[in-house]
Amino acid sequence: RHLAHKSLTLLMDMHCFWTLILCLSTLVNSSVTIHAHLTMRTSSDILVHASSCILRRSPNVMGIYGSVFSQMSMAAERYRASHNLEIYE
């Protein structure tokens, strides 16, 4: 039976966290946009202020960067593990 190394398990957990943040923030943002479309009276009701746009997009951006960074960290950890087999096995 093979178990994942502790550092790989931690990196996978972090990747799952960032992916969850990305999915949840996309769901919330889409829900707000759909609600705005359904309840608008004039076409200008869809427009949002810059501050609310930043607040709505910040979790998406953080989720994307966190997900990409965690993937790069896993790749670096796996590269290091493949070159130092005696330490990891």
N, C-alpha and C. Protein backbone atom coordinates (compact mmCIF):
# COMPACT_ATOMS: atom_id res chain seq x y z
N ARG A 1 0.84 -1.19 0.00
CA ARG A 1 0.00 0.00 0.00
C ARG A 1 0.88 1.24 0.00
N HIS A 2 0.60 2.15 -0.90
CA HIS A 2 1.37 3.38 -1.01
C HIS A 2 0.54 4.55 -0.49
N LEU A 3 1.17 5.38 0.32
CA LEU A 3 0.51 6.58 0.84
C LEU A 3 1.22 7.81 0.29
N ALA A 4 0.45 8.87 0.11
CA ALA A 4 1.05 10.12 -0.38
C ALA A 4 1.92 10.71 0.71
N HIS A 5 3.01 11.33 0.31
CA HIS A 5 3.90 11.99 1.24
C HIS A 5 3.17 13.17 1.88
N LYS A 6 3.53 13.51 3.13
CA LYS A 6 2.82 14.57 3.86
C LYS A 6 2.84 15.90 3.12
N SER A 7 3.96 16.24 2.50
CA SER A 7 4.03 17.52 1.80
C SER A 7 3.10 17.53 0.59
N LEU A 8 2.99 16.40 -0.11
CA LEU A 8 2.09 16.32 -1.25
C LEU A 8 0.64 16.39 -0.79
N THR A 9 0.33 15.74 0.32
CA THR A 9 -1.03 15.79 0.85
C THR A 9 -1.42 17.21 1.23
N LEU A 10 -0.49 17.93 1.85
CA LEU A 10 -0.76 19.33 2.21
C LEU A 10 -0.98 20.18 0.96
N LEU A 11 -0.15 20.00 -0.05
CA LEU A 11 -0.30 20.76 -1.28
C LEU A 11 -1.61 20.43 -1.99
N MET A 12 -2.01 19.18 -1.97
CA MET A 12 -3.29 18.80 -2.57
C MET A 12 -4.47 19.41 -1.81
N ASP A 13 -4.36 19.45 -0.49
CA ASP A 13 -5.41 20.08 0.31
C ASP A 13 -5.52 21.57 0.01
N MET A 14 -4.38 22.23 -0.13
CA MET A 14 -4.39 23.66 -0.47
C MET A 14 -4.98 23.89 -1.86
N HIS A 15 -4.66 23.01 -2.79
CA HIS A 15 -5.22 23.14 -4.13
C HIS A 15 -6.74 22.95 -4.10
N CYS A 16 -7.20 22.00 -3.33
CA CYS A 16 -8.65 21.80 -3.20
C CYS A 16 -9.31 23.02 -2.57
N PHE A 17 -8.67 23.63 -1.59
CA PHE A 17 -9.21 24.84 -0.96
C PHE A 17 -9.34 25.97 -1.96
N TRP A 18 -8.28 26.24 -2.73
CA TRP A 18 -8.33 27.32 -3.71
C TRP A 18 -9.33 27.04 -4.81
N THR A 19 -9.45 25.79 -5.22
CA THR A 19 -10.44 25.44 -6.24
C THR A 19 -11.85 25.62 -5.70
N LEU A 20 -12.07 25.28 -4.44
CA LEU A 20 -13.37 25.49 -3.81
C LEU A 20 -13.70 26.98 -3.74
N ILE A 21 -12.72 27.81 -3.35
CA ILE A 21 -12.93 29.26 -3.30
C ILE A 21 -13.31 29.77 -4.69
N LEU A 22 -12.62 29.31 -5.71
CA LEU A 22 -12.91 29.73 -7.08
C LEU A 22 -14.32 29.32 -7.50
N CYS A 23 -14.69 28.09 -7.22
CA CYS A 23 -16.03 27.61 -7.61
C CYS A 23 -17.13 28.36 -6.86
N LEU A 24 -16.96 28.54 -5.57
CA LEU A 24 -17.99 29.24 -4.79
C LEU A 24 -18.12 30.70 -5.20
N SER A 25 -17.00 31.37 -5.42
CA SER A 25 -17.07 32.78 -5.81
C SER A 25 -17.68 32.93 -7.20
N THR A 26 -17.41 31.99 -8.10
CA THR A 26 -18.02 32.03 -9.43
C THR A 26 -19.52 31.80 -9.33
N LEU A 27 -19.94 30.89 -8.47
CA LEU A 27 -21.36 30.63 -8.27
C LEU A 27 -22.08 31.85 -7.71
N VAL A 28 -21.49 32.49 -6.71
CA VAL A 28 -22.09 33.68 -6.11
C VAL A 28 -22.15 34.82 -7.12
N ASN A 29 -21.06 35.03 -7.83
CA ASN A 29 -21.02 36.11 -8.82
C ASN A 29 -22.05 35.88 -9.92
N SER A 30 -22.18 34.65 -10.38
CA SER A 30 -23.17 34.33 -11.41
C SER A 30 -24.59 34.53 -10.90
N SER A 31 -24.82 34.15 -9.65
CA SER A 31 -26.14 34.33 -9.05
C SER A 31 -26.51 35.81 -8.94
N VAL A 32 -25.56 36.63 -8.54
CA VAL A 32 -25.81 38.07 -8.44
C VAL A 32 -26.09 38.65 -9.83
N THR A 33 -25.35 38.20 -10.83
CA THR A 33 -25.56 38.69 -12.19
C THR A 33 -26.93 38.27 -12.72
N ILE A 34 -27.31 37.04 -12.49
CA ILE A 34 -28.63 36.57 -12.93
C ILE A 34 -29.72 37.35 -12.23
N HIS A 35 -29.57 37.58 -10.94
CA HIS A 35 -30.57 38.37 -10.19
C HIS A 35 -30.67 39.78 -10.76
N ALA A 36 -29.53 40.38 -11.09
CA ALA A 36 -29.54 41.74 -11.67
C ALA A 36 -30.26 41.75 -13.01
N HIS A 37 -30.05 40.72 -13.83
CA HIS A 37 -30.72 40.65 -15.12
C HIS A 37 -32.23 40.46 -14.96
N LEU A 38 -32.62 39.65 -14.01
CA LEU A 38 -34.06 39.37 -13.84
C LEU A 38 -34.82 40.53 -13.21
N THR A 39 -34.16 41.32 -12.39
CA THR A 39 -34.85 42.39 -11.67
C THR A 39 -34.61 43.78 -12.26
N MET A 40 -33.91 43.87 -13.38
CA MET A 40 -33.63 45.20 -13.93
C MET A 40 -34.89 45.83 -14.53
N ARG A 41 -34.98 47.12 -14.37
CA ARG A 41 -36.09 47.87 -14.96
C ARG A 41 -35.62 48.59 -16.23
N THR A 42 -34.40 49.10 -16.17
CA THR A 42 -33.79 49.72 -17.35
C THR A 42 -32.44 49.07 -17.58
N SER A 43 -31.90 49.28 -18.75
CA SER A 43 -30.62 48.63 -19.07
C SER A 43 -29.47 49.13 -18.20
N SER A 44 -29.58 50.33 -17.66
CA SER A 44 -28.51 50.86 -16.82
C SER A 44 -28.49 50.22 -15.42
N ASP A 45 -29.54 49.46 -15.06
CA ASP A 45 -29.56 48.79 -13.76
C ASP A 45 -28.50 47.70 -13.66
N ILE A 46 -28.04 47.20 -14.78
CA ILE A 46 -27.03 46.13 -14.78
C ILE A 46 -25.66 46.67 -14.42
N LEU A 47 -25.41 47.94 -14.75
CA LEU A 47 -24.10 48.53 -14.50
C LEU A 47 -23.82 48.60 -13.00
N VAL A 48 -22.58 48.29 -12.63
CA VAL A 48 -22.19 48.31 -11.23
C VAL A 48 -21.05 49.31 -11.04
N HIS A 49 -20.89 49.75 -9.81
CA HIS A 49 -19.80 50.66 -9.49
C HIS A 49 -18.49 49.89 -9.44
N ALA A 50 -17.41 50.61 -9.59
CA ALA A 50 -16.08 49.98 -9.60
C ALA A 50 -15.80 49.26 -8.29
N SER A 51 -16.22 49.85 -7.17
CA SER A 51 -15.94 49.22 -5.88
C SER A 51 -16.67 47.89 -5.73
N SER A 52 -17.93 47.81 -6.17
CA SER A 52 -18.66 46.55 -6.06
C SER A 52 -18.12 45.52 -7.05
N CYS A 53 -17.63 45.99 -8.19
CA CYS A 53 -17.03 45.08 -9.16
C CYS A 53 -15.76 44.45 -8.59
N ILE A 54 -14.94 45.28 -7.93
CA ILE A 54 -13.72 44.77 -7.32
C ILE A 54 -14.05 43.76 -6.22
N LEU A 55 -15.07 44.08 -5.41
CA LEU A 55 -15.46 43.15 -4.35
C LEU A 55 -15.98 41.84 -4.91
N ARG A 56 -16.68 41.88 -6.02
CA ARG A 56 -17.21 40.66 -6.61
C ARG A 56 -16.15 39.85 -7.33
N ARG A 57 -15.15 40.50 -7.89
CA ARG A 57 -14.12 39.81 -8.66
C ARG A 57 -12.91 39.38 -7.83
N SER A 58 -12.68 39.98 -6.69
CA SER A 58 -11.50 39.65 -5.88
C SER A 58 -11.42 38.17 -5.50
N PRO A 59 -12.51 37.54 -5.01
CA PRO A 59 -12.40 36.11 -4.69
C PRO A 59 -12.07 35.26 -5.92
N ASN A 60 -12.61 35.63 -7.09
CA ASN A 60 -12.27 34.89 -8.31
C ASN A 60 -10.79 34.98 -8.62
N VAL A 61 -10.26 36.18 -8.55
CA VAL A 61 -8.84 36.39 -8.87
C VAL A 61 -7.96 35.65 -7.86
N MET A 62 -8.30 35.76 -6.58
CA MET A 62 -7.52 35.04 -5.56
C MET A 62 -7.60 33.54 -5.77
N GLY A 63 -8.78 33.02 -6.11
CA GLY A 63 -8.94 31.60 -6.36
C GLY A 63 -8.12 31.12 -7.54
N ILE A 64 -8.09 31.92 -8.61
CA ILE A 64 -7.31 31.54 -9.79
C ILE A 64 -5.82 31.53 -9.48
N TYR A 65 -5.34 32.62 -8.86
CA TYR A 65 -3.91 32.67 -8.53
C TYR A 65 -3.53 31.59 -7.52
N GLY A 66 -4.37 31.35 -6.53
CA GLY A 66 -4.08 30.30 -5.55
C GLY A 66 -4.04 28.93 -6.18
N SER A 67 -4.97 28.67 -7.10
CA SER A 67 -5.02 27.38 -7.78
C SER A 67 -3.79 27.16 -8.65
N VAL A 68 -3.42 28.18 -9.41
CA VAL A 68 -2.24 28.07 -10.28
C VAL A 68 -0.97 27.91 -9.43
N PHE A 69 -0.85 28.71 -8.36
CA PHE A 69 0.33 28.61 -7.50
C PHE A 69 0.42 27.24 -6.84
N SER A 70 -0.71 26.69 -6.40
CA SER A 70 -0.67 25.37 -5.76
C SER A 70 -0.31 24.28 -6.77
N GLN A 71 -0.73 24.41 -8.01
CA GLN A 71 -0.34 23.44 -9.03
C GLN A 71 1.16 23.52 -9.30
N MET A 72 1.69 24.74 -9.37
CA MET A 72 3.13 24.89 -9.58
C MET A 72 3.90 24.34 -8.38
N SER A 73 3.39 24.53 -7.18
CA SER A 73 4.05 24.00 -5.98
C SER A 73 4.05 22.48 -6.00
N MET A 74 2.93 21.88 -6.41
CA MET A 74 2.88 20.41 -6.50
C MET A 74 3.86 19.90 -7.55
N ALA A 75 3.95 20.60 -8.68
CA ALA A 75 4.90 20.18 -9.73
C ALA A 75 6.33 20.26 -9.22
N ALA A 76 6.66 21.34 -8.51
CA ALA A 76 8.01 21.48 -7.96
C ALA A 76 8.28 20.40 -6.92
N GLU A 77 7.31 20.10 -6.08
CA GLU A 77 7.48 19.07 -5.05
C GLU A 77 7.67 17.70 -5.69
N ARG A 78 6.91 17.40 -6.73
CA ARG A 78 7.04 16.11 -7.42
C ARG A 78 8.37 16.03 -8.16
N TYR A 79 8.84 17.13 -8.73
CA TYR A 79 10.14 17.15 -9.40
C TYR A 79 11.25 16.87 -8.40
N ARG A 80 11.16 17.53 -7.24
CA ARG A 80 12.16 17.31 -6.19
C ARG A 80 12.10 15.87 -5.68
N ALA A 81 10.89 15.34 -5.54
CA ALA A 81 10.75 13.96 -5.06
C ALA A 81 11.30 12.95 -6.07
N SER A 82 11.13 13.23 -7.36
CA SER A 82 11.62 12.27 -8.36
C SER A 82 13.15 12.27 -8.44
N HIS A 83 13.79 13.36 -8.04
CA HIS A 83 15.24 13.40 -8.07
C HIS A 83 15.88 12.97 -6.73
N ASN A 84 15.10 12.86 -5.70
CA ASN A 84 15.60 12.44 -4.39
C ASN A 84 14.77 11.26 -3.88
N LEU A 85 14.79 10.18 -4.63
CA LEU A 85 13.94 9.04 -4.29
C LEU A 85 14.28 8.43 -2.93
N GLU A 86 15.55 8.46 -2.55
CA GLU A 86 15.92 7.86 -1.27
C GLU A 86 15.33 8.61 -0.09
N ILE A 87 15.06 9.90 -0.24
CA ILE A 87 14.45 10.68 0.85
C ILE A 87 12.95 10.42 0.93
N TYR A 88 12.30 10.28 -0.22
CA TYR A 88 10.85 10.19 -0.25
C TYR A 88 10.32 8.77 -0.15
N GLU A 89 11.14 7.79 -0.45
CA GLU A 89 10.62 6.41 -0.43
C GLU A 89 11.12 5.66 0.79
